[in-house]
């Protein structure tokens, strides 16, 4: 089973509603929770005030899937995020998306750490095969930037042993 966690820090200079809009622009029917950060008093003003986070299944990736394909950035997302962010056991992947670009509905992988943080996505799978199928669905092989083969979302979690 695919499990997805999406989170973003909210800094004192940010409008929380804009962070909510940025996340909601990329992810389907996401129900964000506010997670308060316990401060010890030693933090600087550059520390986040709190986090928004949500968890769900593969279905919350449907909008992101469509946007990555619409923007024709499959190869760059695969190269920048998924290859670099894949865990050594190949059961999870972590990548970041730019909050400002997300606010206008565009998925963008930041080149480096952003001063006000990014939207963090962590995807976990039960098996390496399931993670490979996720890649095939979300970031399929391309030719000249266009998907060679498209698979449906249910392909990812299909029980291949039955």
C-alpha atoms as a PDB file:
ATOM      1  CA  UNK A   1       0.000   0.000   0.000  1.00  0.00           C
ATOM      2  CA  UNK A   2       1.232   3.487  -0.865  1.00  0.00           C
ATOM      3  CA  UNK A   3       1.278   6.001   1.991  1.00  0.00           C
ATOM      4  CA  UNK A   4       1.896   9.697   1.393  1.00  0.00           C
ATOM      5  CA  UNK A   5       2.816  12.409   3.903  1.00  0.00           C
ATOM      6  CA  UNK A   6       2.796  16.059   2.878  1.00  0.00           C
ATOM      7  CA  UNK A   7       4.054  18.793   5.198  1.00  0.00           C
ATOM      8  CA  UNK A   8       5.185  22.401   5.136  1.00  0.00           C
ATOM      9  CA  UNK A   9       6.568  24.709   7.771  1.00  0.00           C
ATOM     10  CA  UNK A  10       4.881  28.062   8.249  1.00  0.00           C
ATOM     11  CA  UNK A  11       7.197  30.912   9.233  1.00  0.00           C
ATOM     12  CA  UNK A  12       6.181  34.083  11.119  1.00  0.00           C
ATOM     13  CA  UNK A  13       6.434  36.199   7.945  1.00  0.00           C
ATOM     14  CA  UNK A  14       4.144  33.866   5.949  1.00  0.00           C
ATOM     15  CA  UNK A  15       0.383  33.995   5.575  1.00  0.00           C
ATOM     16  CA  UNK A  16      -0.869  30.551   6.704  1.00  0.00           C
ATOM     17  CA  UNK A  17      -3.785  30.753   4.243  1.00  0.00           C
ATOM     18  CA  UNK A  18      -1.331  31.074   1.355  1.00  0.00           C
ATOM     19  CA  UNK A  19       0.564  28.002   2.535  1.00  0.00           C
ATOM     20  CA  UNK A  20      -2.734  26.094   2.710  1.00  0.00           C
ATOM     21  CA  UNK A  21      -3.584  27.226  -0.824  1.00  0.00           C
ATOM     22  CA  UNK A  22      -0.120  26.212  -2.093  1.00  0.00           C
ATOM     23  CA  UNK A  23      -0.453  22.685  -0.700  1.00  0.00           C
ATOM     24  CA  UNK A  24      -4.087  22.326  -1.768  1.00  0.00           C
ATOM     25  CA  UNK A  25      -3.195  23.397  -5.325  1.00  0.00           C
ATOM     26  CA  UNK A  26      -1.036  20.283  -5.764  1.00  0.00           C
ATOM     27  CA  UNK A  27      -2.831  17.592  -3.760  1.00  0.00           C
ATOM     28  CA  UNK A  28      -6.370  16.132  -3.995  1.00  0.00           C
ATOM     29  CA  UNK A  29      -8.835  16.612  -1.153  1.00  0.00           C
ATOM     30  CA  UNK A  30      -6.085  17.006   1.394  1.00  0.00           C
ATOM     31  CA  UNK A  31      -7.100  17.515   5.021  1.00  0.00           C
ATOM     32  CA  UNK A  32      -4.329  19.548   6.631  1.00  0.00           C
ATOM     33  CA  UNK A  33      -3.586  19.446  10.348  1.00  0.00           C
ATOM     34  CA  UNK A  34      -1.799  22.225  12.169  1.00  0.00           C
ATOM     35  CA  UNK A  35       1.134  20.890  14.188  1.00  0.00           C
ATOM     36  CA  UNK A  36       2.412  23.289  16.814  1.00  0.00           C
ATOM     37  CA  UNK A  37       6.138  23.449  17.403  1.00  0.00           C
ATOM     38  CA  UNK A  38       7.194  23.447  21.024  1.00  0.00           C
ATOM     39  CA  UNK A  39       9.725  26.229  21.376  1.00  0.00           C
ATOM     40  CA  UNK A  40      12.470  26.252  23.956  1.00  0.00           C
ATOM     41  CA  UNK A  41      13.178  29.952  23.659  1.00  0.00           C
ATOM     42  CA  UNK A  42      16.505  29.456  21.891  1.00  0.00           C
ATOM     43  CA  UNK A  43      15.015  29.601  18.386  1.00  0.00           C
ATOM     44  CA  UNK A  44      15.645  32.585  16.178  1.00  0.00           C
ATOM     45  CA  UNK A  45      13.053  34.483  14.163  1.00  0.00           C
ATOM     46  CA  UNK A  46      13.994  32.242  11.228  1.00  0.00           C
ATOM     47  CA  UNK A  47      12.350  29.288  12.949  1.00  0.00           C
ATOM     48  CA  UNK A  48       8.937  28.101  11.773  1.00  0.00           C
ATOM     49  CA  UNK A  49       5.889  28.937  13.880  1.00  0.00           C
ATOM     50  CA  UNK A  50       4.108  25.666  13.093  1.00  0.00           C
ATOM     51  CA  UNK A  51       3.630  23.015  10.404  1.00  0.00           C
ATOM     52  CA  UNK A  52       0.736  21.979   8.235  1.00  0.00           C
ATOM     53  CA  UNK A  53       0.704  18.264   7.449  1.00  0.00           C
ATOM     54  CA  UNK A  54      -1.541  15.593   6.021  1.00  0.00           C
ATOM     55  CA  UNK A  55      -1.361  11.900   5.294  1.00  0.00           C
ATOM     56  CA  UNK A  56      -3.209   9.738   2.847  1.00  0.00           C
ATOM     57  CA  UNK A  57      -2.979   7.148   0.129  1.00  0.00           C
ATOM     58  CA  UNK A  58      -1.972   7.347  -3.480  1.00  0.00           C
ATOM     59  CA  UNK A  59      -5.212   9.159  -4.366  1.00  0.00           C
ATOM     60  CA  UNK A  60      -3.907  12.447  -2.915  1.00  0.00           C
ATOM     61  CA  UNK A  61      -1.219  12.402  -5.637  1.00  0.00           C
ATOM     62  CA  UNK A  62      -3.778  12.541  -8.476  1.00  0.00           C
ATOM     63  CA  UNK A  63      -3.602  16.338  -8.928  1.00  0.00           C
ATOM     64  CA  UNK A  64       0.206  16.371  -8.692  1.00  0.00           C
ATOM     65  CA  UNK A  65       0.310  13.595 -11.315  1.00  0.00           C
ATOM     66  CA  UNK A  66      -1.802  15.663 -13.699  1.00  0.00           C
ATOM     67  CA  UNK A  67       0.210  18.843 -13.138  1.00  0.00           C
ATOM     68  CA  UNK A  68       3.570  17.114 -13.671  1.00  0.00           C
ATOM     69  CA  UNK A  69       2.275  15.737 -16.971  1.00  0.00           C
ATOM     70  CA  UNK A  70       0.615  19.023 -18.035  1.00  0.00           C
ATOM     71  CA  UNK A  71       3.763  21.025 -17.341  1.00  0.00           C
ATOM     72  CA  UNK A  72       5.848  18.378 -19.193  1.00  0.00           C
ATOM     73  CA  UNK A  73       8.341  18.135 -16.321  1.00  0.00           C
ATOM     74  CA  UNK A  74       8.264  14.363 -15.869  1.00  0.00           C
ATOM     75  CA  UNK A  75      11.970  13.930 -16.631  1.00  0.00           C
ATOM     76  CA  UNK A  76      13.162  16.776 -14.407  1.00  0.00           C
ATOM     77  CA  UNK A  77      11.022  15.618 -11.468  1.00  0.00           C
ATOM     78  CA  UNK A  78      12.243  12.041 -11.927  1.00  0.00           C
ATOM     79  CA  UNK A  79      15.879  13.149 -12.144  1.00  0.00           C
ATOM     80  CA  UNK A  80      15.912  15.823  -9.440  1.00  0.00           C
ATOM     81  CA  UNK A  81      13.539  14.379  -6.903  1.00  0.00           C
ATOM     82  CA  UNK A  82      12.873  10.714  -7.221  1.00  0.00           C
ATOM     83  CA  UNK A  83      16.327   9.446  -8.111  1.00  0.00           C
ATOM     84  CA  UNK A  84      18.062  11.610  -5.501  1.00  0.00           C
ATOM     85  CA  UNK A  85      15.329  11.161  -2.884  1.00  0.00           C
ATOM     86  CA  UNK A  86      14.881   7.394  -3.102  1.00  0.00           C
ATOM     87  CA  UNK A  87      15.886   5.590   0.089  1.00  0.00           C
ATOM     88  CA  UNK A  88      18.595   2.942   0.022  1.00  0.00           C
ATOM     89  CA  UNK A  89      16.007   0.187   0.640  1.00  0.00           C
ATOM     90  CA  UNK A  90      13.922   1.595  -2.272  1.00  0.00           C
ATOM     91  CA  UNK A  91      10.770   1.602  -0.107  1.00  0.00           C
ATOM     92  CA  UNK A  92      10.428   5.364   0.336  1.00  0.00           C
ATOM     93  CA  UNK A  93      11.114   8.562  -1.520  1.00  0.00           C
ATOM     94  CA  UNK A  94      11.400  12.108  -0.191  1.00  0.00           C
ATOM     95  CA  UNK A  95      11.327  15.251  -2.286  1.00  0.00           C
ATOM     96  CA  UNK A  96      10.553  18.951  -1.973  1.00  0.00           C
ATOM     97  CA  UNK A  97       8.310  21.289  -3.928  1.00  0.00           C
ATOM     98  CA  UNK A  98       8.550  25.072  -4.037  1.00  0.00           C
ATOM     99  CA  UNK A  99       5.773  26.788  -2.031  1.00  0.00           C
ATOM    100  CA  UNK A 100       5.582  29.898  -4.226  1.00  0.00           C
ATOM    101  CA  UNK A 101       5.240  27.922  -7.461  1.00  0.00           C
ATOM    102  CA  UNK A 102       2.699  25.626  -5.787  1.00  0.00           C
ATOM    103  CA  UNK A 103       0.623  28.672  -4.822  1.00  0.00           C
ATOM    104  CA  UNK A 104      -0.069  29.219  -8.547  1.00  0.00           C
ATOM    105  CA  UNK A 105      -0.609  25.498  -9.210  1.00  0.00           C
ATOM    106  CA  UNK A 106       2.803  24.678 -10.684  1.00  0.00           C
ATOM    107  CA  UNK A 107       4.928  21.854  -9.262  1.00  0.00           C
ATOM    108  CA  UNK A 108       8.567  22.928  -9.114  1.00  0.00           C
ATOM    109  CA  UNK A 109      11.555  21.235  -7.509  1.00  0.00           C
ATOM    110  CA  UNK A 110      13.723  23.809  -5.721  1.00  0.00           C
ATOM    111  CA  UNK A 111      17.391  23.780  -6.706  1.00  0.00           C
ATOM    112  CA  UNK A 112      18.472  24.191  -3.090  1.00  0.00           C
ATOM    113  CA  UNK A 113      17.114  24.655   0.421  1.00  0.00           C
ATOM    114  CA  UNK A 114      14.671  27.548   0.481  1.00  0.00           C
ATOM    115  CA  UNK A 115      14.796  30.254   3.190  1.00  0.00           C
ATOM    116  CA  UNK A 116      11.141  29.744   4.165  1.00  0.00           C
ATOM    117  CA  UNK A 117      11.180  26.018   3.560  1.00  0.00           C
ATOM    118  CA  UNK A 118       9.450  23.922   0.954  1.00  0.00           C
ATOM    119  CA  UNK A 119       6.570  21.508   0.791  1.00  0.00           C
ATOM    120  CA  UNK A 120       7.982  18.107   1.790  1.00  0.00           C
ATOM    121  CA  UNK A 121       6.537  14.923   0.333  1.00  0.00           C
ATOM    122  CA  UNK A 122       7.394  11.477   1.681  1.00  0.00           C
ATOM    123  CA  UNK A 123       5.986   8.448  -0.115  1.00  0.00           C
ATOM    124  CA  UNK A 124       6.296   4.942   1.333  1.00  0.00           C
ATOM    125  CA  UNK A 125       5.548   1.623  -0.357  1.00  0.00           C
ATOM    126  CA  UNK A 126       5.229  -1.904   1.002  1.00  0.00           C
ATOM    127  CA  UNK A 127       7.606  -3.345  -1.575  1.00  0.00           C
ATOM    128  CA  UNK A 128      10.214  -2.286  -4.113  1.00  0.00           C
ATOM    129  CA  UNK A 129       7.915  -3.523  -6.869  1.00  0.00           C
ATOM    130  CA  UNK A 130       5.114  -1.275  -5.637  1.00  0.00           C
ATOM    131  CA  UNK A 131       7.516   1.712  -5.573  1.00  0.00           C
ATOM    132  CA  UNK A 132       8.583   0.890  -9.154  1.00  0.00           C
ATOM    133  CA  UNK A 133       4.924   0.833 -10.234  1.00  0.00           C
ATOM    134  CA  UNK A 134       4.421   4.200  -8.518  1.00  0.00           C
ATOM    135  CA  UNK A 135       7.267   5.610 -10.627  1.00  0.00           C
ATOM    136  CA  UNK A 136       5.697   4.103 -13.765  1.00  0.00           C
ATOM    137  CA  UNK A 137       2.414   5.869 -12.977  1.00  0.00           C
ATOM    138  CA  UNK A 138       3.635   9.217 -11.606  1.00  0.00           C
ATOM    139  CA  UNK A 139       6.786   9.597 -13.728  1.00  0.00           C
ATOM    140  CA  UNK A 140       6.563   7.243 -16.708  1.00  0.00           C
ATOM    141  CA  UNK A 141       9.368   6.756 -19.222  1.00  0.00           C
ATOM    142  CA  UNK A 142       9.317   9.508 -21.843  1.00  0.00           C
ATOM    143  CA  UNK A 143      10.458  10.271 -25.352  1.00  0.00           C
ATOM    144  CA  UNK A 144      11.060  13.943 -26.082  1.00  0.00           C
ATOM    145  CA  UNK A 145       9.303  14.795 -22.817  1.00  0.00           C
ATOM    146  CA  UNK A 146       6.093  12.895 -23.623  1.00  0.00           C
ATOM    147  CA  UNK A 147       5.070   9.670 -21.804  1.00  0.00           C
ATOM    148  CA  UNK A 148       5.756   6.547 -23.870  1.00  0.00           C
ATOM    149  CA  UNK A 149       3.156   4.532 -21.943  1.00  0.00           C
ATOM    150  CA  UNK A 150       0.485   5.716 -19.514  1.00  0.00           C
ATOM    151  CA  UNK A 151      -0.744   3.454 -16.736  1.00  0.00           C
ATOM    152  CA  UNK A 152      -3.740   4.009 -14.468  1.00  0.00           C
ATOM    153  CA  UNK A 153      -3.450   4.719 -10.749  1.00  0.00           C
ATOM    154  CA  UNK A 154      -4.974   1.333  -9.809  1.00  0.00           C
ATOM    155  CA  UNK A 155      -2.011  -0.348 -11.566  1.00  0.00           C
ATOM    156  CA  UNK A 156       0.238   0.787  -8.710  1.00  0.00           C
ATOM    157  CA  UNK A 157      -1.565  -1.059  -5.916  1.00  0.00           C
ATOM    158  CA  UNK A 158      -2.891  -4.016  -7.890  1.00  0.00           C
ATOM    159  CA  UNK A 159      -2.241  -7.371  -6.211  1.00  0.00           C
ATOM    160  CA  UNK A 160       0.007  -9.054  -8.750  1.00  0.00           C
ATOM    161  CA  UNK A 161       0.159 -12.296  -6.758  1.00  0.00           C
ATOM    162  CA  UNK A 162      -3.527 -13.105  -7.234  1.00  0.00           C
END
